[in-house]
Each structure stands twice: as structure tokens, then as C-alpha cells.
């Protein structure tokens, strides 16, 4: 069976899944958000084989989420780039969902706390421009400026539709 190459898809969500959809990639990013920077720390914290870890780190660097910086004695650190740091809210949202639906009765093994206030870090709800929470059924999907003909056909509102407008 031939696997679909998500990197060639027009959809940015599909392209992001080519990078972030591999299970170790998300866990490497989790470790970065938790302060891990060294190869041996990633290996120990994740219980991942060195060859797989090296490949994931290379992939995340190639896609601009991580950078390698010298740390002295021939060693280096893996640090989040601006692009990698921008993924933090998405990670917090995923963690919030996982803590709610994938945690046992004892609760999550890790909690995030604001260093300044000591309060829990909570995922942000999706809000309307007026600041009210939105559900999937509250959102209309429209073609964007980069849409091709298929997306325009699929998502251009039909003026005859009673939900239009």
C-alpha cells in the first residue's frame, strides 16, 4: 500500500501532520516544553531508541521547530525556535483534552502551573470575535485566499441555503 505524502497536500493542517503526526515528534516537543534540551535527557525521559530520537530531532529541525546550539564540550542543546514555541498553545489544548479524556481516576501525571501566580495552566477555549466560546456547530467554513477550485466549490455558501448569511 502506498502512503499518502501529506507534505505535498495543499491543506496546511495535512502538511503539519506530516511533521507533527508522528507520535515521537509530539513527545519530543512535549519534552522541549518541559525544559528538556539534551539528547541524553530526551532519550532517558522518553525511553526512545537513539536512532529514532536522532531521526525525530533532525526532522523537527528540518521543519523549523527546533534548532541545535552549542552547549560546550562538543555537546549541543536542542531548543525551540519561534515556530516551535508557537505550537505551545496547541500542545496545551491537546494536553487539556488528554487530561480530561485519557487520564485514569488518579488524575494526570503532570500538571502545568503558571510560575508567577502558581495557578494551573488551562487550555484556552475557542472564542468568537465578541469573546464568547464557540462550538464546532457555531462556525462557518469558507474558502480562504489560498483555496483551489475544489475547496471553493465545496465551501462557497449557496445563497439559496437558509443558513447562508
Protein backbone atom coordinates (compact mmCIF):
# COMPACT_ATOMS: atom_id res chain seq x y z
CA UNK A 1 0.00 0.00 0.00
CA UNK A 2 1.36 3.42 -0.97
CA UNK A 3 1.20 6.01 1.81
CA UNK A 4 -0.15 9.46 1.04
CA UNK A 5 2.52 12.16 1.11
CA UNK A 6 0.93 14.81 3.31
CA UNK A 7 3.81 17.23 2.65
CA UNK A 8 2.54 17.70 -0.91
CA UNK A 9 -1.05 18.45 0.06
CA UNK A 10 -2.40 21.97 -0.27
CA UNK A 11 -4.04 21.83 3.18
CA UNK A 12 -1.74 23.31 5.87
CA UNK A 13 -3.29 21.02 8.51
CA UNK A 14 -2.37 17.97 6.43
CA UNK A 15 1.16 19.34 5.88
CA UNK A 16 1.56 19.96 9.62
CA UNK A 17 0.53 16.37 10.32
CA UNK A 18 3.39 15.21 8.10
CA UNK A 19 5.66 16.71 10.76
CA UNK A 20 3.62 16.52 13.97
CA UNK A 21 1.55 13.41 13.31
CA UNK A 22 4.39 11.01 14.02
CA UNK A 23 3.93 10.01 17.67
CA UNK A 24 7.54 10.59 18.75
CA UNK A 25 7.57 14.10 17.26
CA UNK A 26 4.79 15.24 19.58
CA UNK A 27 6.51 13.67 22.59
CA UNK A 28 9.84 15.31 21.71
CA UNK A 29 8.04 18.66 21.60
CA UNK A 30 6.38 17.87 24.92
CA UNK A 31 9.83 17.34 26.41
CA UNK A 32 11.01 20.66 24.96
CA UNK A 33 8.05 22.42 26.58
CA UNK A 34 9.03 20.71 29.86
CA UNK A 35 12.60 22.03 29.61
CA UNK A 36 14.50 19.13 28.07
CA UNK A 37 17.34 20.23 25.76
CA UNK A 38 19.97 17.45 25.66
CA UNK A 39 19.95 14.30 23.57
CA UNK A 40 20.60 12.04 26.57
CA UNK A 41 17.77 13.71 28.51
CA UNK A 42 15.32 13.14 25.64
CA UNK A 43 16.47 9.53 25.38
CA UNK A 44 16.06 8.92 29.13
CA UNK A 45 12.76 10.80 29.56
CA UNK A 46 11.12 9.25 26.52
CA UNK A 47 12.61 5.74 26.62
CA UNK A 48 13.27 6.10 22.90
CA UNK A 49 15.95 4.34 20.85
CA UNK A 50 18.82 6.70 19.93
CA UNK A 51 18.42 6.18 16.18
CA UNK A 52 14.72 7.04 16.29
CA UNK A 53 15.38 10.06 18.51
CA UNK A 54 18.11 11.32 16.18
CA UNK A 55 15.75 11.00 13.21
CA UNK A 56 12.93 12.85 15.02
CA UNK A 57 15.24 15.66 16.12
CA UNK A 58 16.58 16.00 12.54
CA UNK A 59 13.03 16.10 11.21
CA UNK A 60 11.90 18.75 13.71
CA UNK A 61 14.99 20.84 12.90
CA UNK A 62 14.45 20.43 9.14
CA UNK A 63 10.89 21.72 9.53
CA UNK A 64 11.97 24.68 11.66
CA UNK A 65 10.52 23.71 15.06
CA UNK A 66 13.88 23.07 16.77
CA UNK A 67 17.41 24.42 16.43
CA UNK A 68 20.69 22.97 17.63
CA UNK A 69 23.01 25.27 19.62
CA UNK A 70 26.50 24.61 21.04
CA UNK A 71 26.50 23.80 24.76
CA UNK A 72 30.25 23.36 25.32
CA UNK A 73 32.48 20.27 25.46
CA UNK A 74 31.34 19.23 21.99
CA UNK A 75 27.77 18.94 23.20
CA UNK A 76 24.74 20.86 21.99
CA UNK A 77 21.23 21.70 23.08
CA UNK A 78 18.03 21.37 21.10
CA UNK A 79 15.95 24.48 21.61
CA UNK A 80 12.55 25.56 20.41
CA UNK A 81 12.50 28.07 17.56
CA UNK A 82 9.81 30.71 17.28
CA UNK A 83 7.84 28.26 15.16
CA UNK A 84 8.23 25.57 17.81
CA UNK A 85 7.24 27.95 20.61
CA UNK A 86 4.16 28.97 18.61
CA UNK A 87 2.97 25.37 18.91
CA UNK A 88 2.74 25.62 22.72
CA UNK A 89 -0.96 26.66 22.83
CA UNK A 90 -1.83 23.70 20.58
CA UNK A 91 0.12 21.42 22.92
CA UNK A 92 -1.70 22.83 25.98
CA UNK A 93 -5.03 22.24 24.18
CA UNK A 94 -4.06 18.64 23.39
CA UNK A 95 -2.86 18.08 26.96
CA UNK A 96 -6.11 19.53 28.34
CA UNK A 97 -8.15 17.19 26.16
CA UNK A 98 -5.94 14.22 27.10
CA UNK A 99 -6.12 15.08 30.80
CA UNK A 100 -9.92 15.09 30.56
CA UNK A 101 -10.46 12.01 28.39
CA UNK A 102 -7.33 9.84 28.60
CA UNK A 103 -6.38 10.04 32.29
CA UNK A 104 -7.21 7.43 34.91
CA UNK A 105 -9.11 8.15 38.12
CA UNK A 106 -5.88 9.20 39.85
CA UNK A 107 -5.61 12.23 37.55
CA UNK A 108 -2.93 13.43 35.13
CA UNK A 109 0.70 12.51 35.83
CA UNK A 110 1.87 16.06 35.05
CA UNK A 111 0.21 19.42 35.63
CA UNK A 112 1.27 22.78 34.27
CA UNK A 113 1.44 25.75 36.62
CA UNK A 114 1.96 29.45 35.95
CA UNK A 115 5.35 30.35 37.50
CA UNK A 116 4.12 33.79 38.56
CA UNK A 117 0.69 33.04 40.01
CA UNK A 118 1.03 29.36 40.90
CA UNK A 119 -2.33 28.76 39.21
CA UNK A 120 -2.95 25.86 36.82
CA UNK A 121 -2.34 26.50 33.12
CA UNK A 122 -5.61 25.85 31.31
CA UNK A 123 -6.27 25.40 27.61
CA UNK A 124 -7.92 28.43 26.06
CA UNK A 125 -11.39 27.94 24.67
CA UNK A 126 -12.01 28.86 21.06
CA UNK A 127 -13.68 32.27 21.17
CA UNK A 128 -15.73 34.38 18.80
CA UNK A 129 -14.63 37.92 17.99
CA UNK A 130 -17.02 39.01 20.77
CA UNK A 131 -15.19 36.78 23.27
CA UNK A 132 -17.87 34.10 23.63
CA UNK A 133 -16.99 30.38 23.45
CA UNK A 134 -17.57 28.68 20.11
CA UNK A 135 -18.56 25.08 19.38
CA UNK A 136 -17.97 23.37 16.02
CA UNK A 137 -21.60 24.00 15.01
CA UNK A 138 -21.14 27.74 15.64
CA UNK A 139 -18.51 28.06 12.91
CA UNK A 140 -18.99 28.51 9.19
CA UNK A 141 -16.23 27.14 6.94
CA UNK A 142 -15.44 29.35 3.94
CA UNK A 143 -12.80 29.19 1.23
CA UNK A 144 -9.68 31.13 2.10
CA UNK A 145 -7.41 33.18 -0.16
CA UNK A 146 -5.28 30.12 -0.97
CA UNK A 147 -8.23 27.86 -1.84
CA UNK A 148 -8.23 25.90 -5.06
CA UNK A 149 -11.31 25.24 -7.15
CA UNK A 150 -12.33 22.12 -5.21
CA UNK A 151 -12.30 23.98 -1.89
CA UNK A 152 -14.13 26.95 -3.42
CA UNK A 153 -16.79 24.63 -4.80
CA UNK A 154 -17.11 22.77 -1.51
CA UNK A 155 -17.26 25.76 0.84
CA UNK A 156 -18.70 28.71 -1.10
CA UNK A 157 -22.06 29.49 0.51
CA UNK A 158 -25.15 28.85 -1.56
CA UNK A 159 -27.36 31.97 -1.45
CA UNK A 160 -30.44 29.69 -1.58
CA UNK A 161 -29.35 27.92 1.63
CA UNK A 162 -31.45 29.10 4.62
CA UNK A 163 -28.29 29.07 6.79
CA UNK A 164 -26.48 31.41 4.36
CA UNK A 165 -25.59 34.81 5.65
